[in-house]
Amino acid sequence: GKYGPMGEDLFAQACLDANGVKRGIGYGSKLDGTCEADRPLSEKKNKKWKPNCDTVATTTYHPFMKPEDYWACYEATMKAFPVYPPP
């Protein structure tokens, strides 16, 4: 990328921009364990905190770097917040 190695955020934004997708504000649309501001008060300093995937309906949960952690979160989310009609 223009500013060094391109992470997934910059890559996704470049793809969206290239395809004419308008930008918008998505505050509150993610739950990110790596961001201290997103962690519960009792977990502010816990850098290893991960969100509970079955208590908050959001578009993004982060970080789940291992496939088994990601799929466990996905399954918990789908069980707690099912999609109707199912795909």
N, C-alpha and C. Protein backbone atom coordinates (compact mmCIF):
# COMPACT_ATOMS: atom_id res chain seq x y z
N GLY A 1 0.81 -1.19 0.00
CA GLY A 1 0.00 0.00 0.00
C GLY A 1 0.85 1.25 0.00
N LYS A 2 0.22 2.35 -0.13
CA LYS A 2 0.89 3.65 -0.18
C LYS A 2 1.67 3.96 1.09
N TYR A 3 1.19 3.47 2.25
CA TYR A 3 1.81 3.80 3.53
C TYR A 3 2.50 2.59 4.15
N GLY A 4 2.97 1.65 3.37
CA GLY A 4 3.63 0.46 3.88
C GLY A 4 2.75 -0.76 3.69
N PRO A 5 3.02 -1.84 4.43
CA PRO A 5 2.22 -3.04 4.28
C PRO A 5 0.74 -2.76 4.54
N MET A 6 -0.12 -3.35 3.74
CA MET A 6 -1.55 -3.08 3.83
C MET A 6 -2.21 -4.13 4.71
N GLY A 7 -2.81 -3.70 5.84
CA GLY A 7 -3.58 -4.58 6.69
C GLY A 7 -4.97 -4.79 6.12
N GLU A 8 -5.76 -5.65 6.77
CA GLU A 8 -7.08 -5.95 6.22
C GLU A 8 -8.03 -4.76 6.21
N ASP A 9 -7.89 -3.84 7.17
CA ASP A 9 -8.76 -2.67 7.19
C ASP A 9 -8.52 -1.77 5.98
N LEU A 10 -7.25 -1.47 5.71
CA LEU A 10 -6.92 -0.62 4.57
C LEU A 10 -7.26 -1.33 3.26
N PHE A 11 -7.01 -2.64 3.20
CA PHE A 11 -7.35 -3.41 2.01
C PHE A 11 -8.85 -3.34 1.73
N ALA A 12 -9.66 -3.57 2.77
CA ALA A 12 -11.12 -3.53 2.61
C ALA A 12 -11.57 -2.14 2.17
N GLN A 13 -11.00 -1.09 2.78
CA GLN A 13 -11.39 0.27 2.41
C GLN A 13 -11.01 0.58 0.97
N ALA A 14 -9.83 0.14 0.54
CA ALA A 14 -9.41 0.36 -0.84
C ALA A 14 -10.35 -0.34 -1.82
N CYS A 15 -10.78 -1.55 -1.48
CA CYS A 15 -11.72 -2.29 -2.35
C CYS A 15 -13.07 -1.59 -2.41
N LEU A 16 -13.57 -1.14 -1.26
CA LEU A 16 -14.85 -0.43 -1.22
C LEU A 16 -14.77 0.86 -2.03
N ASP A 17 -13.68 1.61 -1.83
CA ASP A 17 -13.50 2.87 -2.58
C ASP A 17 -13.44 2.60 -4.09
N ALA A 18 -12.69 1.57 -4.48
CA ALA A 18 -12.53 1.26 -5.90
C ALA A 18 -13.85 0.86 -6.55
N ASN A 19 -14.80 0.37 -5.75
CA ASN A 19 -16.09 -0.06 -6.27
C ASN A 19 -17.20 0.95 -6.02
N GLY A 20 -16.82 2.15 -5.61
CA GLY A 20 -17.79 3.24 -5.47
C GLY A 20 -18.72 3.15 -4.27
N VAL A 21 -18.34 2.37 -3.26
CA VAL A 21 -19.18 2.27 -2.06
C VAL A 21 -18.99 3.53 -1.22
N LYS A 22 -20.10 4.20 -0.89
CA LYS A 22 -20.02 5.42 -0.10
C LYS A 22 -19.60 5.12 1.33
N ARG A 23 -18.83 6.04 1.89
CA ARG A 23 -18.38 5.89 3.27
C ARG A 23 -19.47 6.34 4.24
N GLY A 24 -19.45 5.78 5.42
CA GLY A 24 -20.41 6.14 6.45
C GLY A 24 -19.78 5.95 7.82
N ILE A 25 -20.49 6.37 8.81
CA ILE A 25 -20.01 6.24 10.20
C ILE A 25 -20.64 5.00 10.79
N GLY A 26 -19.81 4.17 11.43
CA GLY A 26 -20.31 2.92 12.01
C GLY A 26 -19.99 2.79 13.48
N TYR A 27 -20.04 3.91 14.21
CA TYR A 27 -19.76 3.83 15.64
C TYR A 27 -20.72 2.84 16.30
N GLY A 28 -20.19 2.01 17.15
CA GLY A 28 -21.02 1.05 17.86
C GLY A 28 -21.34 -0.20 17.06
N SER A 29 -20.74 -0.34 15.87
CA SER A 29 -21.05 -1.50 15.04
C SER A 29 -20.06 -2.65 15.24
N LYS A 30 -19.14 -2.49 16.18
CA LYS A 30 -18.16 -3.55 16.44
C LYS A 30 -17.93 -3.69 17.94
N LEU A 31 -17.42 -4.84 18.30
CA LEU A 31 -17.00 -5.09 19.68
C LEU A 31 -15.58 -5.61 19.59
N ASP A 32 -14.63 -4.81 20.01
CA ASP A 32 -13.22 -5.07 19.75
C ASP A 32 -12.44 -5.19 21.05
N GLY A 33 -11.98 -6.41 21.35
CA GLY A 33 -11.20 -6.63 22.55
C GLY A 33 -9.85 -5.94 22.54
N THR A 34 -9.36 -5.57 21.37
CA THR A 34 -8.06 -4.89 21.30
C THR A 34 -8.17 -3.40 21.60
N CYS A 35 -9.38 -2.88 21.60
CA CYS A 35 -9.60 -1.46 21.87
C CYS A 35 -10.08 -1.28 23.32
N GLU A 36 -9.27 -0.63 24.13
CA GLU A 36 -9.61 -0.44 25.55
C GLU A 36 -10.98 0.19 25.74
N ALA A 37 -11.36 1.10 24.86
CA ALA A 37 -12.64 1.79 24.98
C ALA A 37 -13.83 0.85 24.77
N ASP A 38 -13.63 -0.26 24.07
CA ASP A 38 -14.70 -1.22 23.82
C ASP A 38 -14.86 -2.25 24.93
N ARG A 39 -13.87 -2.34 25.82
CA ARG A 39 -13.92 -3.35 26.88
C ARG A 39 -14.79 -2.87 28.04
N PRO A 40 -15.40 -3.83 28.77
CA PRO A 40 -16.15 -3.46 29.97
C PRO A 40 -15.24 -2.75 30.98
N LEU A 41 -15.82 -1.95 31.84
CA LEU A 41 -15.02 -1.20 32.83
C LEU A 41 -14.08 -2.10 33.62
N SER A 42 -14.57 -3.26 34.03
CA SER A 42 -13.74 -4.17 34.83
C SER A 42 -12.63 -4.83 34.02
N GLU A 43 -12.64 -4.68 32.71
CA GLU A 43 -11.65 -5.32 31.84
C GLU A 43 -10.79 -4.31 31.07
N LYS A 44 -10.85 -3.04 31.41
CA LYS A 44 -10.14 -2.00 30.65
C LYS A 44 -8.66 -2.29 30.46
N LYS A 45 -7.99 -2.83 31.45
CA LYS A 45 -6.55 -3.07 31.36
C LYS A 45 -6.21 -4.50 30.94
N ASN A 46 -7.23 -5.34 30.71
CA ASN A 46 -7.01 -6.72 30.32
C ASN A 46 -6.85 -6.81 28.80
N LYS A 47 -5.61 -6.86 28.34
CA LYS A 47 -5.34 -6.87 26.90
C LYS A 47 -5.70 -8.20 26.24
N LYS A 48 -6.04 -9.21 27.05
CA LYS A 48 -6.42 -10.52 26.50
C LYS A 48 -7.92 -10.73 26.52
N TRP A 49 -8.68 -9.71 26.90
CA TRP A 49 -10.14 -9.83 26.94
C TRP A 49 -10.71 -10.05 25.54
N LYS A 50 -11.70 -10.94 25.47
CA LYS A 50 -12.41 -11.17 24.20
C LYS A 50 -13.90 -11.02 24.47
N PRO A 51 -14.64 -10.49 23.52
CA PRO A 51 -16.07 -10.27 23.71
C PRO A 51 -16.85 -11.58 23.79
N ASN A 52 -18.00 -11.52 24.49
CA ASN A 52 -18.93 -12.64 24.50
C ASN A 52 -19.78 -12.52 23.24
N CYS A 53 -19.78 -13.53 22.44
CA CYS A 53 -20.43 -13.47 21.14
C CYS A 53 -21.93 -13.73 21.21
N ASP A 54 -22.43 -14.08 22.38
CA ASP A 54 -23.85 -14.40 22.48
C ASP A 54 -24.64 -13.39 23.32
N THR A 55 -24.00 -12.25 23.64
CA THR A 55 -24.71 -11.27 24.46
C THR A 55 -24.95 -9.94 23.77
N VAL A 56 -24.20 -9.65 22.72
CA VAL A 56 -24.34 -8.38 22.00
C VAL A 56 -24.43 -8.66 20.50
N ALA A 57 -25.47 -8.16 19.86
CA ALA A 57 -25.60 -8.32 18.41
C ALA A 57 -24.87 -7.17 17.74
N THR A 58 -23.79 -7.46 17.05
CA THR A 58 -23.00 -6.45 16.37
C THR A 58 -22.46 -7.03 15.07
N THR A 59 -21.95 -6.20 14.21
CA THR A 59 -21.44 -6.69 12.93
C THR A 59 -20.07 -7.32 13.03
N THR A 60 -19.31 -6.94 14.06
CA THR A 60 -17.93 -7.37 14.16
C THR A 60 -17.55 -7.67 15.59
N TYR A 61 -16.87 -8.80 15.78
CA TYR A 61 -16.26 -9.17 17.05
C TYR A 61 -14.78 -9.36 16.77
N HIS A 62 -13.92 -8.82 17.63
CA HIS A 62 -12.49 -8.89 17.37
C HIS A 62 -11.75 -8.98 18.70
N PRO A 63 -10.69 -9.65 18.92
CA PRO A 63 -9.93 -10.45 17.98
C PRO A 63 -10.19 -11.95 18.17
N PHE A 64 -10.36 -12.65 17.12
CA PHE A 64 -10.43 -14.11 17.12
C PHE A 64 -9.49 -14.58 16.03
N MET A 65 -8.23 -14.80 16.40
CA MET A 65 -7.18 -15.09 15.43
C MET A 65 -7.09 -16.57 15.06
N LYS A 66 -7.59 -17.45 15.93
CA LYS A 66 -7.54 -18.88 15.64
C LYS A 66 -8.88 -19.30 15.05
N PRO A 67 -8.85 -20.14 14.01
CA PRO A 67 -10.09 -20.56 13.37
C PRO A 67 -11.12 -21.14 14.36
N GLU A 68 -10.66 -21.93 15.31
CA GLU A 68 -11.61 -22.53 16.26
C GLU A 68 -12.27 -21.47 17.15
N ASP A 69 -11.54 -20.40 17.48
CA ASP A 69 -12.13 -19.30 18.26
C ASP A 69 -13.15 -18.54 17.42
N TYR A 70 -12.80 -18.30 16.16
CA TYR A 70 -13.71 -17.60 15.26
C TYR A 70 -15.01 -18.39 15.09
N TRP A 71 -14.89 -19.68 14.79
CA TRP A 71 -16.09 -20.49 14.54
C TRP A 71 -16.93 -20.66 15.80
N ALA A 72 -16.30 -20.75 16.97
CA ALA A 72 -17.07 -20.82 18.22
C ALA A 72 -17.86 -19.53 18.42
N CYS A 73 -17.25 -18.39 18.12
CA CYS A 73 -17.94 -17.11 18.23
C CYS A 73 -19.08 -17.04 17.22
N TYR A 74 -18.81 -17.46 15.99
CA TYR A 74 -19.83 -17.45 14.95
C TYR A 74 -21.04 -18.29 15.36
N GLU A 75 -20.78 -19.50 15.83
CA GLU A 75 -21.88 -20.39 16.23
C GLU A 75 -22.67 -19.80 17.40
N ALA A 76 -21.97 -19.23 18.38
CA ALA A 76 -22.66 -18.61 19.53
C ALA A 76 -23.52 -17.44 19.08
N THR A 77 -23.00 -16.63 18.15
CA THR A 77 -23.76 -15.48 17.63
C THR A 77 -25.00 -15.95 16.88
N MET A 78 -24.84 -16.93 16.01
CA MET A 78 -25.97 -17.42 15.22
C MET A 78 -27.04 -18.08 16.10
N LYS A 79 -26.61 -18.73 17.16
CA LYS A 79 -27.57 -19.35 18.09
C LYS A 79 -28.33 -18.28 18.86
N ALA A 80 -27.64 -17.25 19.31
CA ALA A 80 -28.25 -16.19 20.11
C ALA A 80 -29.08 -15.23 19.25
N PHE A 81 -28.63 -14.98 18.02
CA PHE A 81 -29.28 -14.02 17.13
C PHE A 81 -29.50 -14.66 15.76
N PRO A 82 -30.43 -15.60 15.66
CA PRO A 82 -30.61 -16.33 14.41
C PRO A 82 -31.10 -15.43 13.27
N VAL A 83 -30.75 -15.83 12.08
CA VAL A 83 -31.16 -15.12 10.87
C VAL A 83 -32.47 -15.75 10.38
N TYR A 84 -33.47 -14.92 10.14
CA TYR A 84 -34.73 -15.44 9.59
C TYR A 84 -35.00 -14.77 8.26
N PRO A 85 -35.34 -15.50 7.23
CA PRO A 85 -35.30 -16.96 7.19
C PRO A 85 -33.86 -17.44 7.10
N PRO A 86 -33.60 -18.65 7.57
CA PRO A 86 -32.22 -19.18 7.51
C PRO A 86 -31.73 -19.22 6.06
N PRO A 87 -30.43 -19.00 5.87
CA PRO A 87 -29.86 -19.02 4.50
C PRO A 87 -29.99 -20.38 3.85
